[in-house]
Protein backbone atom coordinates (compact mmCIF):
# COMPACT_ATOMS: atom_id res chain seq x y z
CA UNK A 1 21.72 2.28 1.12
CA UNK A 2 18.88 4.66 0.40
CA UNK A 3 21.31 7.21 -1.17
CA UNK A 4 22.86 4.27 -3.31
CA UNK A 5 19.51 3.03 -4.28
CA UNK A 6 18.70 6.40 -5.74
CA UNK A 7 21.97 6.73 -7.86
CA UNK A 8 23.02 3.31 -9.09
CA UNK A 9 20.02 2.44 -11.16
CA UNK A 10 20.50 5.49 -13.11
CA UNK A 11 23.91 4.31 -14.22
CA UNK A 12 23.63 2.52 -17.79
CA UNK A 13 26.58 0.14 -17.11
CA UNK A 14 25.29 -0.91 -13.62
CA UNK A 15 21.84 -1.55 -15.10
CA UNK A 16 23.34 -3.71 -17.69
CA UNK A 17 25.45 -5.58 -14.98
CA UNK A 18 22.28 -6.41 -12.82
CA UNK A 19 20.46 -7.67 -16.01
CA UNK A 20 23.17 -9.87 -16.62
CA UNK A 21 23.26 -11.23 -13.02
CA UNK A 22 19.73 -11.80 -13.28
CA UNK A 23 19.77 -13.76 -16.53
CA UNK A 24 22.83 -15.74 -15.26
CA UNK A 25 25.20 -14.30 -17.80
CA UNK A 26 28.32 -15.57 -16.27
CA UNK A 27 31.32 -15.02 -15.66
CA UNK A 28 31.23 -11.22 -15.06
CA UNK A 29 34.24 -9.08 -14.59
CA UNK A 30 34.42 -5.86 -13.01
CA UNK A 31 37.52 -3.75 -12.77
CA UNK A 32 38.60 -0.14 -11.57
CA UNK A 33 36.85 -0.34 -8.12
CA UNK A 34 38.39 0.50 -4.89
CA UNK A 35 37.99 -1.62 -1.81
CA UNK A 36 35.00 0.35 -0.47
CA UNK A 37 33.40 0.47 -3.81
CA UNK A 38 33.63 -3.30 -4.31
CA UNK A 39 31.85 -3.69 -0.96
CA UNK A 40 29.01 -1.25 -2.28
CA UNK A 41 28.74 -3.19 -5.68
CA UNK A 42 28.48 -6.61 -3.68
CA UNK A 43 25.81 -5.51 -1.47
CA UNK A 44 24.04 -3.51 -4.31
CA UNK A 45 24.02 -6.87 -6.20
CA UNK A 46 22.31 -8.52 -3.39
CA UNK A 47 19.78 -5.42 -3.03
CA UNK A 48 18.69 -5.28 -6.74
CA UNK A 49 18.66 -8.92 -7.51
CA UNK A 50 17.35 -10.22 -4.31
CA UNK A 51 19.87 -13.20 -4.70
CA UNK A 52 22.27 -14.64 -2.05
CA UNK A 53 25.86 -13.64 -2.62
CA UNK A 54 29.13 -14.71 -1.43
CA UNK A 55 32.05 -12.45 -0.91
CA UNK A 56 35.49 -14.22 -0.94
CA UNK A 57 38.60 -12.58 0.10
CA UNK A 58 42.27 -13.67 0.80
CA UNK A 59 42.95 -13.49 4.48
CA UNK A 60 41.09 -12.88 7.86
CA UNK A 61 42.46 -9.37 8.31
CA UNK A 62 40.78 -8.28 4.87
CA UNK A 63 37.71 -10.14 5.94
CA UNK A 64 37.29 -8.05 9.15
CA UNK A 65 37.66 -4.72 6.86
CA UNK A 66 35.03 -5.88 4.60
CA UNK A 67 32.78 -6.96 7.37
CA UNK A 68 33.07 -3.44 9.03
CA UNK A 69 32.05 -1.86 5.74
CA UNK A 70 29.04 -4.09 5.21
CA UNK A 71 27.69 -2.96 8.59
CA UNK A 72 26.94 0.33 6.87
CA UNK A 73 24.37 -1.53 4.78
CA UNK A 74 22.36 -4.18 6.74
CA UNK A 75 24.34 -5.99 9.45
CA UNK A 76 21.70 -8.60 9.94
CA UNK A 77 22.08 -10.00 6.45
CA UNK A 78 25.67 -10.61 6.69
CA UNK A 79 27.05 -14.19 7.62
CA UNK A 80 30.79 -14.98 8.22
CA UNK A 81 31.83 -18.44 7.31
CA UNK A 82 35.11 -19.14 9.25
CA UNK A 83 37.83 -21.41 8.46
CA UNK A 84 37.70 -24.41 10.72
CA UNK A 85 40.63 -25.58 12.97
CA UNK A 86 42.64 -28.31 11.64
CA UNK A 87 43.49 -30.86 14.43
CA UNK A 88 46.30 -33.54 14.00
CA UNK A 89 46.64 -34.48 17.42
CA UNK A 90 44.48 -35.77 20.39
CA UNK A 91 42.93 -33.33 22.69
CA UNK A 92 40.11 -33.95 25.24
CA UNK A 93 38.22 -30.74 24.36
CA UNK A 94 37.61 -28.69 21.18
CA UNK A 95 36.27 -25.22 20.81
CA UNK A 96 32.84 -25.88 19.02
CA UNK A 97 31.99 -22.08 18.43
CA UNK A 98 33.60 -22.10 14.96
CA UNK A 99 31.82 -25.32 14.18
CA UNK A 100 28.49 -23.94 15.38
CA UNK A 101 29.12 -20.91 13.09
CA UNK A 102 29.80 -23.04 10.09
CA UNK A 103 26.96 -25.44 10.56
CA UNK A 104 24.66 -22.52 11.09
CA UNK A 105 25.49 -21.11 7.58
CA UNK A 106 25.28 -24.65 6.16
CA UNK A 107 21.65 -24.86 7.62
CA UNK A 108 20.69 -21.48 6.34
CA UNK A 109 21.97 -22.47 2.89
CA UNK A 110 20.04 -25.67 3.17
CA UNK A 111 16.96 -23.66 3.98
CA UNK A 112 17.54 -21.10 1.34
CA UNK A 113 17.80 -18.48 3.97
CA UNK A 114 21.10 -16.96 3.36
CA UNK A 115 21.55 -13.26 1.93
CA UNK A 116 25.31 -12.31 2.00
CA UNK A 117 28.08 -14.64 3.25
CA UNK A 118 31.54 -13.47 3.87
CA UNK A 119 34.36 -15.76 3.89
CA UNK A 120 38.23 -16.45 2.87
CA UNK A 121 39.74 -18.66 0.13
CA UNK A 122 41.25 -20.80 2.93
CA UNK A 123 37.79 -21.46 4.52
CA UNK A 124 36.29 -22.05 1.15
CA UNK A 125 38.86 -24.58 0.20
CA UNK A 126 38.59 -26.80 3.28
CA UNK A 127 37.01 -30.23 2.92
CA UNK A 128 33.77 -31.00 4.26
CA UNK A 129 31.25 -33.80 3.61
CA UNK A 130 28.36 -33.62 0.98
CA UNK A 131 25.04 -31.66 2.03
CA UNK A 132 23.18 -35.05 1.41
CA UNK A 133 25.38 -36.67 4.07
CA UNK A 134 25.39 -33.91 6.44
CA UNK A 135 21.49 -33.46 6.42
CA UNK A 136 20.12 -36.95 5.79
CA UNK A 137 19.60 -37.31 9.56
CA UNK A 138 17.41 -33.93 10.02
CA UNK A 139 14.80 -34.84 12.74
CA UNK A 140 11.33 -33.57 12.30
CA UNK A 141 9.39 -33.25 15.51
CA UNK A 142 5.60 -32.28 15.65
CA UNK A 143 3.46 -31.87 18.63
CA UNK A 144 1.02 -34.91 18.96
CA UNK A 145 3.17 -37.10 17.04
CA UNK A 146 4.72 -40.42 18.40
CA UNK A 147 8.41 -40.82 18.92
CA UNK A 148 9.89 -42.60 21.86
CA UNK A 149 12.09 -40.54 24.35
CA UNK A 150 14.95 -43.00 23.89
CA UNK A 151 14.90 -42.70 20.12
CA UNK A 152 14.94 -38.84 20.38
CA UNK A 153 17.98 -38.97 22.83
CA UNK A 154 19.57 -41.34 20.38
CA UNK A 155 18.87 -39.10 17.48
CA UNK A 156 20.40 -36.20 19.32
CA UNK A 157 23.51 -37.97 20.06
CA UNK A 158 23.92 -39.02 16.40
CA UNK A 159 23.43 -35.44 15.46
CA UNK A 160 26.28 -34.34 17.62
CA UNK A 161 24.51 -33.00 20.64
CA UNK A 162 26.15 -33.07 24.13
CA UNK A 163 24.39 -34.30 27.02
CA UNK A 164 24.73 -31.89 30.19
CA UNK A 165 22.97 -31.21 33.37
CA UNK A 166 21.67 -28.22 32.13
CA UNK A 167 21.19 -26.77 28.73
CA UNK A 168 23.15 -23.29 28.59
CA UNK A 169 24.36 -23.26 25.03
CA UNK A 170 24.01 -24.48 21.48
CA UNK A 171 24.36 -28.18 20.81
CA UNK A 172 23.56 -29.29 24.20
CA UNK A 173 20.74 -31.26 25.59
CA UNK A 174 19.42 -32.72 29.04
CA UNK A 175 16.83 -35.33 30.09
CA UNK A 176 14.71 -35.04 33.18
CA UNK A 177 11.92 -37.58 33.35
CA UNK A 178 9.52 -37.14 30.47
CA UNK A 179 11.09 -34.01 29.31
CA UNK A 180 14.00 -33.22 26.87
CA UNK A 181 15.67 -29.75 26.44
CA UNK A 182 17.93 -29.11 23.77
CA UNK A 183 19.55 -25.98 22.07
CA UNK A 184 19.56 -26.22 18.22
CA UNK A 185 21.44 -23.95 15.84
CA UNK A 186 18.39 -22.44 14.08
CA UNK A 187 16.52 -20.97 17.19
CA UNK A 188 17.63 -18.03 19.35
CA UNK A 189 16.46 -19.96 22.42
CA UNK A 190 16.26 -23.58 23.60
CA UNK A 191 13.50 -25.90 23.09
CA UNK A 192 11.58 -28.05 25.55
CA UNK A 193 9.96 -31.16 24.44
CA UNK A 194 7.42 -32.76 26.86
CA UNK A 195 6.20 -36.35 26.36
CA UNK A 196 2.96 -38.15 27.36
CA UNK A 197 4.24 -41.76 26.96
CA UNK A 198 5.70 -41.91 23.51
CA UNK A 199 3.81 -38.99 22.27
CA UNK A 200 5.03 -35.52 22.11
CA UNK A 201 2.68 -33.53 24.27
CA UNK A 202 4.13 -30.26 23.79
CA UNK A 203 7.00 -28.19 22.04
CA UNK A 204 8.17 -24.97 23.48
CA UNK A 205 10.86 -22.35 23.54
CA UNK A 206 12.16 -21.55 26.97
CA UNK A 207 14.40 -18.92 28.46
CA UNK A 208 17.88 -20.30 29.51
CA UNK A 209 18.29 -18.03 32.64
CA UNK A 210 14.70 -18.26 34.04
CA UNK A 211 13.92 -21.82 32.45
CA UNK A 212 10.36 -20.46 31.98
CA UNK A 213 8.32 -21.05 28.75
CA UNK A 214 8.60 -18.30 25.95
CA UNK A 215 6.30 -19.58 23.29
CA UNK A 216 4.68 -22.89 22.20
CA UNK A 217 5.71 -24.47 18.78
CA UNK A 218 3.74 -26.69 16.51
CA UNK A 219 6.86 -28.56 15.07
CA UNK A 220 10.53 -28.09 14.68
CA UNK A 221 13.33 -29.53 12.44
CA UNK A 222 16.49 -30.41 14.48
CA UNK A 223 19.64 -30.19 12.35
CA UNK A 224 23.29 -31.62 13.22
CA UNK A 225 25.53 -29.54 15.44
CA UNK A 226 28.66 -31.74 14.47
CA UNK A 227 30.24 -31.04 10.91
CA UNK A 228 31.62 -34.24 10.52
CA UNK A 229 29.05 -37.00 11.17
CA UNK A 230 30.05 -40.60 11.18
CA UNK A 231 27.80 -43.56 11.76
CA UNK A 232 28.97 -45.64 14.61
CA UNK A 233 28.32 -48.77 12.54
CA UNK A 234 30.84 -47.58 9.96
CA UNK A 235 33.70 -47.10 12.41
CA UNK A 236 35.04 -50.73 12.49
CA UNK A 237 35.23 -50.76 8.59
CA UNK A 238 37.06 -47.54 8.45
CA UNK A 239 39.41 -48.55 10.95
CA UNK A 240 40.18 -51.75 9.06
CA UNK A 241 40.62 -49.61 5.75
CA UNK A 242 43.21 -47.25 7.37
CA UNK A 243 45.07 -50.16 8.92
CA UNK A 244 45.21 -51.77 5.66
CA UNK A 245 47.10 -48.72 4.20
CA UNK A 246 48.69 -47.51 7.40
CA UNK A 247 49.59 -50.69 9.54
CA UNK A 248 51.29 -48.76 12.18
CA UNK A 249 48.26 -46.36 12.95
CA UNK A 250 47.51 -48.49 15.98
CA UNK A 251 47.06 -45.50 18.27
CA UNK A 252 45.14 -43.53 15.86
CA UNK A 253 42.79 -46.52 15.47
CA UNK A 254 42.29 -46.79 19.16
CA UNK A 255 41.52 -43.06 19.39
CA UNK A 256 38.84 -43.34 16.60
CA UNK A 257 37.34 -46.37 18.25
CA UNK A 258 37.10 -44.44 21.72
CA UNK A 259 34.89 -41.67 19.85
CA UNK A 260 37.89 -39.07 19.13
CA UNK A 261 37.45 -39.39 15.33
CA UNK A 262 37.26 -35.63 14.98
CA UNK A 263 40.87 -35.50 15.57
CA UNK A 264 41.69 -37.85 12.87
CA UNK A 265 39.23 -36.47 10.10
CA UNK A 266 42.07 -34.49 8.40
CA UNK A 267 44.61 -37.06 8.53
CA UNK A 268 42.14 -39.76 7.13
CA UNK A 269 39.80 -37.88 5.42
CA UNK A 270 39.53 -40.09 2.48
CA UNK A 271 38.79 -43.34 4.56
CA UNK A 272 35.80 -41.37 6.40
CA UNK A 273 34.26 -39.81 3.20
CA UNK A 274 34.92 -40.78 -0.22
CA UNK A 275 33.74 -37.48 -1.73
CA UNK A 276 33.65 -33.87 -0.47
CA UNK A 277 31.93 -30.89 -1.26
CA UNK A 278 32.76 -27.02 -0.70
CA UNK A 279 30.35 -24.48 0.64
CA UNK A 280 29.81 -23.05 -2.70
CA UNK A 281 28.26 -26.46 -3.92
CA UNK A 282 25.18 -25.53 -1.57
CA UNK A 283 24.34 -22.37 -3.58
CA UNK A 284 23.41 -24.41 -6.81
């Protein structure tokens, strides 16, 4: 970027373009650029305006090409927002890696920590819930504050965390006596919360392999690890509405009531969520 940083500001048209971006003079159309030049301009926009940008391309193959070109500038600033898997059938296990990647970007957008997002038209157009619905249950933990261990367990379940014998990956949690370990999306290492009665005695990062403490934390925010959160108290009403329109959907209703609503979200989206927002809404 150093060579580009010296040349571009001397170009009158580029300087005018950057000023328009800073002043929100949209829409702006650029033409006559090759694929590599488009990537240069996209990152230069981020570099000179210090604003988050989103690059939208037409398929995954082109996305990979752009991703490789962006590595030339600053690989740490680039986030890839993937399309999610659409499921219309019952399966026992689902690959959560894509969900975790999508939620990680949602969380960074929510906290205004994004810099460059690369995605496809297909991923951008997929339905999701509103940011208010997604983040209304964000849990704040602080050392010295009171919260019951049972309430924290229930909260982790509601946020989509999976209880396991040992925390090994994102979105998992475990309980041992007065200690809860969990691995959030927002940290590189899992977190250990130790209780003294109903008081949080300590919050610490720990290493997955050695299980040893790395550093203490004063507080932490726990974000959802499931994209489609549904309040268990709403399930019965949702099922009644579905049956009112589709009286033969008995098997689907049983699956939803048995906790497999994720395989039915796309089929009955309007019954689960009245409104939806796309990822770009987070930017405004």
